[in-house]
Amino acid sequence: MTEKKVKFEFEKKNKNSIRFKEVPEEGMPPVIGSIYIQNWFAGNSKNIEITIKKED
């Protein structure tokens, strides 16, 4: 199983969600791109990190 941590930073606040853009590792393309997280969970966070587990 492969595990990857992907970092995101605040991009834009919408009515019910916050859009975060991926901060790719230097020299690498984005893995996910942008994601939306609901306001009730994201709160005032400016940075988030998501872990992806890929089952081989």
PDB file of N, CA and C in Angstrom:
ATOM      1  N   MET A   1       0.849  -1.180   0.000  1.00  0.00           N
ATOM      2  CA  MET A   1       0.000   0.000   0.000  1.00  0.00           C
ATOM      3  C   MET A   1       0.892   1.240   0.000  1.00  0.00           C
ATOM      4  N   THR A   2       0.582   2.180  -0.859  1.00  0.00           N
ATOM      5  CA  THR A   2       1.328   3.429  -0.967  1.00  0.00           C
ATOM      6  C   THR A   2       0.524   4.537  -0.302  1.00  0.00           C
ATOM      7  N   GLU A   3       1.201   5.393   0.454  1.00  0.00           N
ATOM      8  CA  GLU A   3       0.540   6.498   1.150  1.00  0.00           C
ATOM      9  C   GLU A   3       1.165   7.816   0.705  1.00  0.00           C
ATOM     10  N   LYS A   4       0.318   8.800   0.431  1.00  0.00           N
ATOM     11  CA  LYS A   4       0.786  10.110  -0.045  1.00  0.00           C
ATOM     12  C   LYS A   4       0.069  11.203   0.740  1.00  0.00           C
ATOM     13  N   LYS A   5       0.821  12.150   1.281  1.00  0.00           N
ATOM     14  CA  LYS A   5       0.234  13.308   1.963  1.00  0.00           C
ATOM     15  C   LYS A   5       0.237  14.474   0.988  1.00  0.00           C
ATOM     16  N   VAL A   6      -0.935  15.071   0.803  1.00  0.00           N
ATOM     17  CA  VAL A   6      -1.094  16.173  -0.136  1.00  0.00           C
ATOM     18  C   VAL A   6      -1.484  17.416   0.658  1.00  0.00           C
ATOM     19  N   LYS A   7      -0.749  18.503   0.456  1.00  0.00           N
ATOM     20  CA  LYS A   7      -1.001  19.753   1.182  1.00  0.00           C
ATOM     21  C   LYS A   7      -1.811  20.711   0.320  1.00  0.00           C
ATOM     22  N   PHE A   8      -2.693  21.457   0.985  1.00  0.00           N
ATOM     23  CA  PHE A   8      -3.551  22.428   0.324  1.00  0.00           C
ATOM     24  C   PHE A   8      -3.509  23.744   1.080  1.00  0.00           C
ATOM     25  N   GLU A   9      -3.729  24.861   0.359  1.00  0.00           N
ATOM     26  CA  GLU A   9      -3.804  26.173   0.994  1.00  0.00           C
ATOM     27  C   GLU A   9      -5.102  26.864   0.563  1.00  0.00           C
ATOM     28  N   PHE A  10      -5.568  27.754   1.428  1.00  0.00           N
ATOM     29  CA  PHE A  10      -6.811  28.491   1.192  1.00  0.00           C
ATOM     30  C   PHE A  10      -6.773  29.198  -0.161  1.00  0.00           C
ATOM     31  N   GLU A  11      -7.896  29.104  -0.895  1.00  0.00           N
ATOM     32  CA  GLU A  11      -7.995  29.798  -2.172  1.00  0.00           C
ATOM     33  C   GLU A  11      -9.181  30.755  -2.195  1.00  0.00           C
ATOM     34  N   LYS A  12     -10.376  30.272  -1.784  1.00  0.00           N
ATOM     35  CA  LYS A  12     -11.564  31.109  -1.885  1.00  0.00           C
ATOM     36  C   LYS A  12     -12.656  30.598  -0.948  1.00  0.00           C
ATOM     37  N   LYS A  13     -13.364  31.529  -0.308  1.00  0.00           N
ATOM     38  CA  LYS A  13     -14.487  31.161   0.556  1.00  0.00           C
ATOM     39  C   LYS A  13     -15.786  31.340  -0.211  1.00  0.00           C
ATOM     40  N   ASN A  14     -16.636  30.323  -0.187  1.00  0.00           N
ATOM     41  CA  ASN A  14     -17.954  30.367  -0.811  1.00  0.00           C
ATOM     42  C   ASN A  14     -19.012  30.371   0.280  1.00  0.00           C
ATOM     43  N   LYS A  15     -20.275  30.318  -0.107  1.00  0.00           N
ATOM     44  CA  LYS A  15     -21.369  30.381   0.862  1.00  0.00           C
ATOM     45  C   LYS A  15     -21.283  29.259   1.899  1.00  0.00           C
ATOM     46  N   ASN A  16     -21.150  28.015   1.444  1.00  0.00           N
ATOM     47  CA  ASN A  16     -21.156  26.879   2.361  1.00  0.00           C
ATOM     48  C   ASN A  16     -19.859  26.076   2.377  1.00  0.00           C
ATOM     49  N   SER A  17     -18.884  26.499   1.612  1.00  0.00           N
ATOM     50  CA  SER A  17     -17.646  25.728   1.544  1.00  0.00           C
ATOM     51  C   SER A  17     -16.446  26.633   1.292  1.00  0.00           C
ATOM     52  N   ILE A  18     -15.277  26.052   1.433  1.00  0.00           N
ATOM     53  CA  ILE A  18     -14.026  26.764   1.179  1.00  0.00           C
ATOM     54  C   ILE A  18     -13.261  25.964   0.132  1.00  0.00           C
ATOM     55  N   ARG A  19     -12.740  26.658  -0.869  1.00  0.00           N
ATOM     56  CA  ARG A  19     -11.940  25.994  -1.894  1.00  0.00           C
ATOM     57  C   ARG A  19     -10.471  26.105  -1.509  1.00  0.00           C
ATOM     58  N   PHE A  20      -9.794  24.968  -1.533  1.00  0.00           N
ATOM     59  CA  PHE A  20      -8.373  24.893  -1.256  1.00  0.00           C
ATOM     60  C   PHE A  20      -7.662  24.446  -2.520  1.00  0.00           C
ATOM     61  N   LYS A  21      -6.500  25.025  -2.797  1.00  0.00           N
ATOM     62  CA  LYS A  21      -5.715  24.602  -3.957  1.00  0.00           C
ATOM     63  C   LYS A  21      -4.512  23.815  -3.470  1.00  0.00           C
ATOM     64  N   GLU A  22      -4.165  22.810  -4.240  1.00  0.00           N
ATOM     65  CA  GLU A  22      -3.043  21.950  -3.884  1.00  0.00           C
ATOM     66  C   GLU A  22      -1.720  22.688  -4.005  1.00  0.00           C
ATOM     67  N   VAL A  23      -0.822  22.400  -3.094  1.00  0.00           N
ATOM     68  CA  VAL A  23       0.541  22.910  -3.145  1.00  0.00           C
ATOM     69  C   VAL A  23       1.403  21.709  -3.546  1.00  0.00           C
ATOM     70  N   PRO A  24       1.689  21.571  -4.843  1.00  0.00           N
ATOM     71  CA  PRO A  24       2.434  20.383  -5.285  1.00  0.00           C
ATOM     72  C   PRO A  24       3.892  20.427  -4.831  1.00  0.00           C
ATOM     73  N   GLU A  25       4.474  19.237  -4.737  1.00  0.00           N
ATOM     74  CA  GLU A  25       5.893  19.153  -4.406  1.00  0.00           C
ATOM     75  C   GLU A  25       6.679  19.748  -5.568  1.00  0.00           C
ATOM     76  N   GLU A  26       7.820  20.317  -5.253  1.00  0.00           N
ATOM     77  CA  GLU A  26       8.639  20.977  -6.268  1.00  0.00           C
ATOM     78  C   GLU A  26       8.994  20.004  -7.406  1.00  0.00           C
ATOM     79  N   GLY A  27       8.724  20.443  -8.628  1.00  0.00           N
ATOM     80  CA  GLY A  27       9.031  19.648  -9.805  1.00  0.00           C
ATOM     81  C   GLY A  27       8.022  18.563 -10.130  1.00  0.00           C
ATOM     82  N   MET A  28       6.927  18.495  -9.363  1.00  0.00           N
ATOM     83  CA  MET A  28       5.907  17.465  -9.586  1.00  0.00           C
ATOM     84  C   MET A  28       4.579  18.113  -9.968  1.00  0.00           C
ATOM     85  N   PRO A  29       3.760  17.436 -10.775  1.00  0.00           N
ATOM     86  CA  PRO A  29       2.437  17.965 -11.097  1.00  0.00           C
ATOM     87  C   PRO A  29       1.476  17.725  -9.922  1.00  0.00           C
ATOM     88  N   PRO A  30       0.352  18.457  -9.869  1.00  0.00           N
ATOM     89  CA  PRO A  30      -0.634  18.226  -8.804  1.00  0.00           C
ATOM     90  C   PRO A  30      -1.197  16.810  -8.863  1.00  0.00           C
ATOM     91  N   VAL A  31      -1.531  16.268  -7.713  1.00  0.00           N
ATOM     92  CA  VAL A  31      -2.141  14.947  -7.625  1.00  0.00           C
ATOM     93  C   VAL A  31      -3.661  15.076  -7.686  1.00  0.00           C
ATOM     94  N   ILE A  32      -4.213  16.090  -7.023  1.00  0.00           N
ATOM     95  CA  ILE A  32      -5.662  16.273  -6.933  1.00  0.00           C
ATOM     96  C   ILE A  32      -6.111  17.568  -7.605  1.00  0.00           C
ATOM     97  N   GLY A  33      -5.427  18.664  -7.372  1.00  0.00           N
ATOM     98  CA  GLY A  33      -5.853  19.968  -7.887  1.00  0.00           C
ATOM     99  C   GLY A  33      -6.520  20.758  -6.776  1.00  0.00           C
ATOM    100  N   SER A  34      -7.727  21.242  -7.027  1.00  0.00           N
ATOM    101  CA  SER A  34      -8.480  21.992  -6.014  1.00  0.00           C
ATOM    102  C   SER A  34      -9.572  21.116  -5.422  1.00  0.00           C
ATOM    103  N   ILE A  35      -9.879  21.372  -4.152  1.00  0.00           N
ATOM    104  CA  ILE A  35     -10.961  20.647  -3.489  1.00  0.00           C
ATOM    105  C   ILE A  35     -11.820  21.634  -2.698  1.00  0.00           C
ATOM    106  N   TYR A  36     -13.056  21.230  -2.428  1.00  0.00           N
ATOM    107  CA  TYR A  36     -13.971  22.016  -1.613  1.00  0.00           C
ATOM    108  C   TYR A  36     -14.209  21.281  -0.299  1.00  0.00           C
ATOM    109  N   ILE A  37     -14.083  22.006   0.815  1.00  0.00           N
ATOM    110  CA  ILE A  37     -14.346  21.470   2.148  1.00  0.00           C
ATOM    111  C   ILE A  37     -15.464  22.310   2.755  1.00  0.00           C
ATOM    112  N   GLN A  38     -16.424  21.655   3.363  1.00  0.00           N
ATOM    113  CA  GLN A  38     -17.555  22.364   3.961  1.00  0.00           C
ATOM    114  C   GLN A  38     -17.098  23.265   5.107  1.00  0.00           C
ATOM    115  N   ASN A  39     -17.748  24.432   5.224  1.00  0.00           N
ATOM    116  CA  ASN A  39     -17.382  25.427   6.243  1.00  0.00           C
ATOM    117  C   ASN A  39     -17.426  24.867   7.662  1.00  0.00           C
ATOM    118  N   TRP A  40     -18.412  24.026   7.950  1.00  0.00           N
ATOM    119  CA  TRP A  40     -18.546  23.509   9.324  1.00  0.00           C
ATOM    120  C   TRP A  40     -17.318  22.707   9.736  1.00  0.00           C
ATOM    121  N   PHE A  41     -16.605  22.112   8.769  1.00  0.00           N
ATOM    122  CA  PHE A  41     -15.410  21.339   9.093  1.00  0.00           C
ATOM    123  C   PHE A  41     -14.140  22.178   8.989  1.00  0.00           C
ATOM    124  N   ALA A  42     -14.018  22.932   7.913  1.00  0.00           N
ATOM    125  CA  ALA A  42     -12.787  23.698   7.654  1.00  0.00           C
ATOM    126  C   ALA A  42     -12.608  24.849   8.635  1.00  0.00           C
ATOM    127  N   GLY A  43     -13.708  25.464   9.047  1.00  0.00           N
ATOM    128  CA  GLY A  43     -13.610  26.588   9.978  1.00  0.00           C
ATOM    129  C   GLY A  43     -12.770  27.710   9.393  1.00  0.00           C
ATOM    130  N   ASN A  44     -11.778  28.181  10.139  1.00  0.00           N
ATOM    131  CA  ASN A  44     -10.898  29.266   9.684  1.00  0.00           C
ATOM    132  C   ASN A  44      -9.541  28.767   9.213  1.00  0.00           C
ATOM    133  N   SER A  45      -9.448  27.482   8.908  1.00  0.00           N
ATOM    134  CA  SER A  45      -8.165  26.902   8.489  1.00  0.00           C
ATOM    135  C   SER A  45      -7.676  27.523   7.190  1.00  0.00           C
ATOM    136  N   LYS A  46      -6.402  27.819   7.126  1.00  0.00           N
ATOM    137  CA  LYS A  46      -5.785  28.347   5.908  1.00  0.00           C
ATOM    138  C   LYS A  46      -4.994  27.266   5.181  1.00  0.00           C
ATOM    139  N   ASN A  47      -4.658  26.191   5.883  1.00  0.00           N
ATOM    140  CA  ASN A  47      -3.919  25.076   5.288  1.00  0.00           C
ATOM    141  C   ASN A  47      -4.520  23.773   5.782  1.00  0.00           C
ATOM    142  N   ILE A  48      -4.596  22.780   4.884  1.00  0.00           N
ATOM    143  CA  ILE A  48      -5.039  21.450   5.270  1.00  0.00           C
ATOM    144  C   ILE A  48      -4.119  20.423   4.610  1.00  0.00           C
ATOM    145  N   GLU A  49      -4.166  19.221   5.131  1.00  0.00           N
ATOM    146  CA  GLU A  49      -3.377  18.129   4.559  1.00  0.00           C
ATOM    147  C   GLU A  49      -4.272  16.901   4.483  1.00  0.00           C
ATOM    148  N   ILE A  50      -4.235  16.224   3.352  1.00  0.00           N
ATOM    149  CA  ILE A  50      -5.044  15.028   3.131  1.00  0.00           C
ATOM    150  C   ILE A  50      -4.091  13.875   2.841  1.00  0.00           C
ATOM    151  N   THR A  51      -4.374  12.730   3.445  1.00  0.00           N
ATOM    152  CA  THR A  51      -3.582  11.534   3.197  1.00  0.00           C
ATOM    153  C   THR A  51      -4.357  10.602   2.282  1.00  0.00           C
ATOM    154  N   ILE A  52      -3.711  10.157   1.218  1.00  0.00           N
ATOM    155  CA  ILE A  52      -4.313   9.237   0.258  1.00  0.00           C
ATOM    156  C   ILE A  52      -3.578   7.902   0.381  1.00  0.00           C
ATOM    157  N   LYS A  53      -4.351   6.830   0.526  1.00  0.00           N
ATOM    158  CA  LYS A  53      -3.761   5.495   0.570  1.00  0.00           C
ATOM    159  C   LYS A  53      -4.155   4.769  -0.706  1.00  0.00           C
ATOM    160  N   LYS A  54      -3.158   4.327  -1.451  1.00  0.00           N
ATOM    161  CA  LYS A  54      -3.389   3.598  -2.696  1.00  0.00           C
ATOM    162  C   LYS A  54      -3.073   2.131  -2.440  1.00  0.00           C
ATOM    163  N   GLU A  55      -4.079   1.286  -2.637  1.00  0.00           N
ATOM    164  CA  GLU A  55      -3.868  -0.141  -2.448  1.00  0.00           C
ATOM    165  C   GLU A  55      -3.323  -0.724  -3.748  1.00  0.00           C
ATOM    166  N   ASP A  56      -2.169  -1.333  -3.664  1.00  0.00           N
ATOM    167  CA  ASP A  56      -1.505  -1.885  -4.845  1.00  0.00           C
ATOM    168  C   ASP A  56      -2.068  -3.247  -5.215  1.00  0.00           C
TER     169      ASP A  56
END
